[in-house]
Structure formats: structure tokens, C-alpha cells
Amino acid sequence: MRYSRNIFETENHRGTGTRSVSGTAIVFIVLTIVSVLAAAYIIVNFNEVTARIAIGMANVLSSGFPILFVVIAIIYFVMRIKRRMHRRFWGW
């Protein structure tokens, strides 16, 4: 099975009977622990977390970022319409 390109194969090729943990399993365990700790922190400090989110969103909305987003969207749609009109003109 070593050269069959099986993505679910274990990463060690030392044979049977050897116990080892693959890199994928280690990353999975670490990320699971981090997500459980983050969820517990959010549950314990819910008011603090929501206050930080609210302050952050107020700062983003007052910084002019939404105006930049709207300007980029308008430019995108104008260029898209121009491209369609150009195709229709030369396409017939």
C-alpha cells in the first residue's frame, strides 16, 4: 500500500505492530483542543467578547471602510456592464 497513493494511509511505513501517531492526527488533536478552549472562553466571557465585537464593528463602520467597499462594487459593476455592451456590439 505504500505506493498506491492512498491519502488515508498512515504516514509511517515501518510495518505492522509499530505504534505511531501521524502528523495529521497531531494537527487534528491540537486544533480540537484549541477550538474547545476558545469555545469555553467565549462562553465564560460572553459579555466581554460581545462588547469587543461591537466596538470593533463600530470602528470599522466609522472608518470609511464601507464607502471603499461600495466604490469598489460600483467600479466592478460598471466594468462588467461595459464588457457586456462591447460583446453585444461586436457580436452581431
Protein backbone atom coordinates (compact mmCIF):
# COMPACT_ATOMS: atom_id res chain seq x y z
CA MET A 1 0.00 0.00 0.00
CA ARG A 2 2.99 2.31 0.18
CA TYR A 3 2.90 3.38 -3.47
CA SER A 4 -0.86 3.21 -4.08
CA ARG A 5 -1.36 6.97 -3.44
CA ASN A 6 -3.93 6.31 -0.77
CA ILE A 7 -4.46 9.59 1.11
CA PHE A 8 -5.93 7.77 4.10
CA GLU A 9 -2.88 5.57 4.57
CA THR A 10 -0.82 6.03 7.70
CA GLU A 11 2.36 8.03 7.27
CA ASN A 12 4.76 5.51 8.79
CA HIS A 13 5.98 2.65 6.65
CA ARG A 14 7.76 0.61 9.29
CA GLY A 15 5.36 -2.27 9.12
CA THR A 16 2.64 -3.61 11.38
CA GLY A 17 2.97 -3.72 15.10
CA THR A 18 4.67 -0.31 15.33
CA ARG A 19 2.52 2.24 17.11
CA SER A 20 2.87 5.82 15.93
CA VAL A 21 0.79 8.93 15.50
CA SER A 22 0.63 10.59 12.10
CA GLY A 23 1.14 14.30 11.55
CA THR A 24 -2.49 14.64 10.50
CA ALA A 25 -3.68 13.16 13.78
CA ILE A 26 -1.45 15.50 15.79
CA VAL A 27 -2.76 18.57 13.95
CA PHE A 28 -6.33 17.33 14.43
CA ILE A 29 -5.83 16.88 18.18
CA VAL A 30 -4.15 20.28 18.61
CA LEU A 31 -6.85 22.13 16.64
CA THR A 32 -9.59 20.33 18.56
CA ILE A 33 -8.06 21.39 21.88
CA VAL A 34 -7.67 25.00 20.69
CA SER A 35 -11.27 25.18 19.47
CA VAL A 36 -12.62 23.72 22.73
CA LEU A 37 -10.60 26.25 24.74
CA ALA A 38 -11.81 29.11 22.52
CA ALA A 39 -15.43 27.99 22.88
CA ALA A 40 -15.06 27.78 26.66
CA TYR A 41 -13.51 31.27 26.77
CA ILE A 42 -16.38 32.71 24.72
CA ILE A 43 -18.98 31.04 26.94
CA VAL A 44 -17.33 32.22 30.16
CA ASN A 45 -16.64 35.78 28.98
CA PHE A 46 -19.65 36.27 26.70
CA ASN A 47 -20.33 39.90 27.67
CA GLU A 48 -16.69 40.91 27.20
CA VAL A 49 -16.46 39.17 23.82
CA THR A 50 -19.66 40.73 22.51
CA ALA A 51 -18.55 44.17 23.72
CA ARG A 52 -15.23 43.78 21.86
CA ILE A 53 -17.07 42.72 18.71
CA ALA A 54 -19.43 45.70 18.97
CA ILE A 55 -16.56 48.15 19.48
CA GLY A 56 -14.65 46.64 16.58
CA MET A 57 -17.65 46.87 14.24
CA ALA A 58 -18.29 50.48 15.29
CA ASN A 59 -14.68 51.32 14.47
CA VAL A 60 -14.90 49.62 11.09
CA LEU A 61 -18.16 51.36 10.20
CA SER A 62 -16.87 54.76 11.25
CA SER A 63 -13.53 54.36 9.45
CA GLY A 64 -14.88 54.71 5.92
CA PHE A 65 -14.33 51.09 5.01
CA PRO A 66 -17.95 50.61 3.87
CA ILE A 67 -17.59 53.56 1.49
CA LEU A 68 -14.50 51.96 -0.02
CA PHE A 69 -16.39 48.69 -0.40
CA VAL A 70 -19.28 50.45 -2.18
CA VAL A 71 -16.90 52.29 -4.52
CA ILE A 72 -15.14 49.04 -5.45
CA ALA A 73 -18.50 47.33 -6.06
CA ILE A 74 -19.67 50.18 -8.32
CA ILE A 75 -16.44 50.09 -10.32
CA TYR A 76 -16.77 46.31 -10.70
CA PHE A 77 -20.37 46.52 -11.95
CA VAL A 78 -19.59 49.38 -14.36
CA MET A 79 -16.71 47.44 -15.88
CA ARG A 80 -18.89 44.35 -16.15
CA ILE A 81 -21.63 46.28 -17.93
CA LYS A 82 -19.10 47.85 -20.31
CA ARG A 83 -17.73 44.43 -21.18
CA ARG A 84 -21.23 43.10 -21.94
CA MET A 85 -22.09 46.10 -24.10
CA HIS A 86 -18.82 45.67 -26.01
CA ARG A 87 -19.57 42.00 -26.66
CA ARG A 88 -23.09 42.76 -27.90
CA PHE A 89 -21.86 45.49 -30.23
CA TRP A 90 -19.19 43.37 -31.90
CA GLY A 91 -21.03 40.08 -31.51
CA TRP A 92 -23.80 40.81 -34.06
